[in-house]
């Protein structure tokens, strides 16, 4: 699970699935599938994919930000 969370964090840092995939040396479709798997496992949506660059949902903010 640690590897999957590292991939999710890289997408968060890059604000782009394609840039994160290049940085991680994986294909963009496999990275996207892995992120969706993490979201499914935790029953949350981490990224708002309707914006460019992508952004965190309120649930995703709980993972990567603190008050």
N, C-alpha and C. Protein backbone atom coordinates (compact mmCIF):
# COMPACT_ATOMS: atom_id res chain seq x y z
N UNK A 1 0.81 -1.19 0.00
CA UNK A 1 0.00 0.00 0.00
C UNK A 1 0.86 1.27 0.00
N UNK A 2 2.06 1.18 0.57
CA UNK A 2 2.93 2.35 0.62
C UNK A 2 3.28 2.85 -0.79
N UNK A 3 3.53 1.93 -1.71
CA UNK A 3 3.86 2.31 -3.08
C UNK A 3 2.67 3.04 -3.72
N UNK A 4 1.48 2.54 -3.49
CA UNK A 4 0.29 3.19 -4.05
C UNK A 4 0.13 4.60 -3.50
N UNK A 5 0.36 4.75 -2.20
CA UNK A 5 0.22 6.07 -1.61
C UNK A 5 1.31 7.02 -2.12
N UNK A 6 2.50 6.49 -2.40
CA UNK A 6 3.56 7.31 -2.98
C UNK A 6 3.13 7.79 -4.36
N UNK A 7 2.50 6.91 -5.13
CA UNK A 7 2.01 7.30 -6.45
C UNK A 7 0.94 8.39 -6.33
N UNK A 8 0.02 8.24 -5.39
CA UNK A 8 -1.01 9.25 -5.17
C UNK A 8 -0.36 10.57 -4.79
N UNK A 9 0.63 10.52 -3.92
CA UNK A 9 1.31 11.74 -3.49
C UNK A 9 2.02 12.43 -4.67
N UNK A 10 2.59 11.65 -5.54
CA UNK A 10 3.27 12.22 -6.71
C UNK A 10 2.27 12.92 -7.63
N UNK A 11 1.09 12.34 -7.81
CA UNK A 11 0.05 13.01 -8.60
C UNK A 11 -0.32 14.33 -7.92
N UNK A 12 -0.44 14.31 -6.61
CA UNK A 12 -0.74 15.52 -5.84
C UNK A 12 0.35 16.58 -6.07
N UNK A 13 1.60 16.19 -6.01
CA UNK A 13 2.70 17.14 -6.20
C UNK A 13 2.72 17.71 -7.61
N UNK A 14 2.55 16.84 -8.60
CA UNK A 14 2.64 17.27 -10.00
C UNK A 14 1.36 17.94 -10.50
N UNK A 15 0.23 17.67 -9.82
CA UNK A 15 -1.07 18.19 -10.24
C UNK A 15 -1.43 17.76 -11.66
N UNK A 16 -0.92 16.58 -12.02
CA UNK A 16 -1.15 16.04 -13.36
C UNK A 16 -0.84 14.55 -13.35
N UNK A 17 -1.75 13.77 -13.90
CA UNK A 17 -1.49 12.33 -14.00
C UNK A 17 -0.36 12.04 -14.99
N UNK A 18 -0.35 12.75 -16.11
CA UNK A 18 0.68 12.47 -17.12
C UNK A 18 2.07 12.87 -16.63
N UNK A 19 2.19 14.01 -15.96
CA UNK A 19 3.50 14.42 -15.42
C UNK A 19 3.96 13.47 -14.32
N UNK A 20 3.03 13.05 -13.47
CA UNK A 20 3.37 12.11 -12.41
C UNK A 20 3.80 10.77 -12.99
N UNK A 21 3.11 10.32 -14.02
CA UNK A 21 3.46 9.04 -14.65
C UNK A 21 4.88 9.09 -15.22
N UNK A 22 5.22 10.19 -15.86
CA UNK A 22 6.58 10.33 -16.40
C UNK A 22 7.61 10.31 -15.27
N UNK A 23 7.33 11.01 -14.21
CA UNK A 23 8.25 11.06 -13.07
C UNK A 23 8.43 9.69 -12.42
N UNK A 24 7.36 8.91 -12.40
CA UNK A 24 7.38 7.60 -11.76
C UNK A 24 7.78 6.47 -12.72
N UNK A 25 7.95 6.80 -14.00
CA UNK A 25 8.31 5.81 -15.02
C UNK A 25 7.27 4.71 -15.14
N UNK A 26 5.99 5.13 -15.13
CA UNK A 26 4.87 4.20 -15.35
C UNK A 26 3.97 4.82 -16.41
N UNK A 27 3.09 4.01 -16.97
CA UNK A 27 2.16 4.56 -17.96
C UNK A 27 1.06 5.34 -17.25
N UNK A 28 0.53 6.33 -17.94
CA UNK A 28 -0.53 7.14 -17.35
C UNK A 28 -1.78 6.30 -17.05
N UNK A 29 -2.21 5.40 -17.96
CA UNK A 29 -3.38 4.59 -17.62
C UNK A 29 -3.19 3.71 -16.39
N UNK A 30 -2.01 3.15 -16.22
CA UNK A 30 -1.80 2.30 -15.04
C UNK A 30 -1.76 3.15 -13.76
N UNK A 31 -1.20 4.35 -13.83
CA UNK A 31 -1.19 5.24 -12.67
C UNK A 31 -2.62 5.65 -12.32
N UNK A 32 -3.39 5.99 -13.30
CA UNK A 32 -4.78 6.37 -13.07
C UNK A 32 -5.57 5.23 -12.44
N UNK A 33 -5.35 4.02 -12.93
CA UNK A 33 -6.02 2.84 -12.37
C UNK A 33 -5.60 2.60 -10.92
N UNK A 34 -4.34 2.82 -10.62
CA UNK A 34 -3.86 2.62 -9.26
C UNK A 34 -4.49 3.64 -8.31
N UNK A 35 -4.60 4.89 -8.75
CA UNK A 35 -5.22 5.92 -7.93
C UNK A 35 -6.69 5.58 -7.70
N UNK A 36 -7.37 5.15 -8.75
CA UNK A 36 -8.78 4.76 -8.60
C UNK A 36 -8.93 3.60 -7.63
N UNK A 37 -7.98 2.68 -7.62
CA UNK A 37 -8.00 1.55 -6.70
C UNK A 37 -7.87 2.04 -5.26
N UNK A 38 -6.96 2.98 -5.02
CA UNK A 38 -6.80 3.54 -3.68
C UNK A 38 -8.10 4.24 -3.26
N UNK A 39 -8.67 5.02 -4.19
CA UNK A 39 -9.93 5.70 -3.88
C UNK A 39 -11.03 4.70 -3.56
N UNK A 40 -11.08 3.63 -4.30
CA UNK A 40 -12.07 2.58 -4.06
C UNK A 40 -11.84 1.89 -2.71
N UNK A 41 -10.58 1.60 -2.41
CA UNK A 41 -10.25 0.92 -1.15
C UNK A 41 -10.69 1.74 0.06
N UNK A 42 -10.54 3.06 -0.03
CA UNK A 42 -10.90 3.94 1.08
C UNK A 42 -12.28 4.57 0.94
N UNK A 43 -12.95 4.27 -0.19
CA UNK A 43 -14.29 4.79 -0.47
C UNK A 43 -14.32 6.32 -0.42
N UNK A 44 -13.32 6.93 -1.06
CA UNK A 44 -13.24 8.39 -1.16
C UNK A 44 -12.81 8.76 -2.57
N UNK A 45 -12.97 10.03 -2.92
CA UNK A 45 -12.42 10.58 -4.16
C UNK A 45 -11.34 11.56 -3.75
N UNK A 46 -10.11 11.29 -4.16
CA UNK A 46 -8.98 12.11 -3.74
C UNK A 46 -8.82 13.34 -4.63
N UNK A 47 -8.99 13.16 -5.94
CA UNK A 47 -8.74 14.25 -6.89
C UNK A 47 -10.00 14.66 -7.63
N UNK A 48 -10.13 15.97 -7.84
CA UNK A 48 -11.17 16.51 -8.72
C UNK A 48 -10.56 16.52 -10.12
N UNK A 49 -11.02 15.61 -10.95
CA UNK A 49 -10.44 15.45 -12.28
C UNK A 49 -11.08 16.38 -13.31
N UNK A 50 -12.02 17.22 -12.89
CA UNK A 50 -12.69 18.12 -13.82
C UNK A 50 -11.96 19.44 -13.98
N UNK A 51 -10.92 19.66 -13.19
CA UNK A 51 -10.17 20.91 -13.26
C UNK A 51 -8.79 20.66 -13.87
N UNK A 52 -8.23 21.71 -14.45
CA UNK A 52 -6.87 21.63 -14.97
C UNK A 52 -6.10 22.78 -14.38
N UNK A 53 -5.06 22.57 -13.62
CA UNK A 53 -4.54 21.27 -13.18
C UNK A 53 -5.51 20.61 -12.20
N UNK A 54 -5.37 19.30 -12.03
CA UNK A 54 -6.25 18.60 -11.11
C UNK A 54 -6.06 19.16 -9.71
N UNK A 55 -7.08 19.02 -8.90
CA UNK A 55 -7.00 19.52 -7.53
C UNK A 55 -7.54 18.47 -6.57
N UNK A 56 -7.27 18.67 -5.31
CA UNK A 56 -7.76 17.76 -4.29
C UNK A 56 -9.23 18.04 -3.98
N UNK A 57 -9.96 16.98 -3.71
CA UNK A 57 -11.31 17.12 -3.19
C UNK A 57 -11.19 17.43 -1.70
N UNK A 58 -12.28 17.79 -1.04
CA UNK A 58 -12.20 17.97 0.42
C UNK A 58 -11.66 16.72 1.13
N UNK A 59 -12.05 15.53 0.64
CA UNK A 59 -11.54 14.29 1.23
C UNK A 59 -10.04 14.16 0.99
N UNK A 60 -9.59 14.53 -0.21
CA UNK A 60 -8.16 14.49 -0.53
C UNK A 60 -7.36 15.45 0.31
N UNK A 61 -7.97 16.60 0.62
CA UNK A 61 -7.29 17.59 1.47
C UNK A 61 -6.98 17.00 2.84
N UNK A 62 -7.83 16.13 3.33
CA UNK A 62 -7.59 15.51 4.63
C UNK A 62 -6.33 14.66 4.62
N UNK A 63 -5.99 14.12 3.46
CA UNK A 63 -4.77 13.30 3.34
C UNK A 63 -3.49 14.14 3.35
N UNK A 64 -3.54 15.32 2.74
CA UNK A 64 -2.30 16.04 2.47
C UNK A 64 -2.18 17.43 3.06
N UNK A 65 -3.17 17.87 3.78
CA UNK A 65 -3.07 19.18 4.41
C UNK A 65 -3.49 19.08 5.87
N UNK A 66 -3.09 20.03 6.64
CA UNK A 66 -3.50 20.09 8.04
C UNK A 66 -3.81 21.52 8.41
N UNK A 67 -4.68 21.68 9.36
CA UNK A 67 -5.06 23.04 9.81
C UNK A 67 -4.05 23.59 10.77
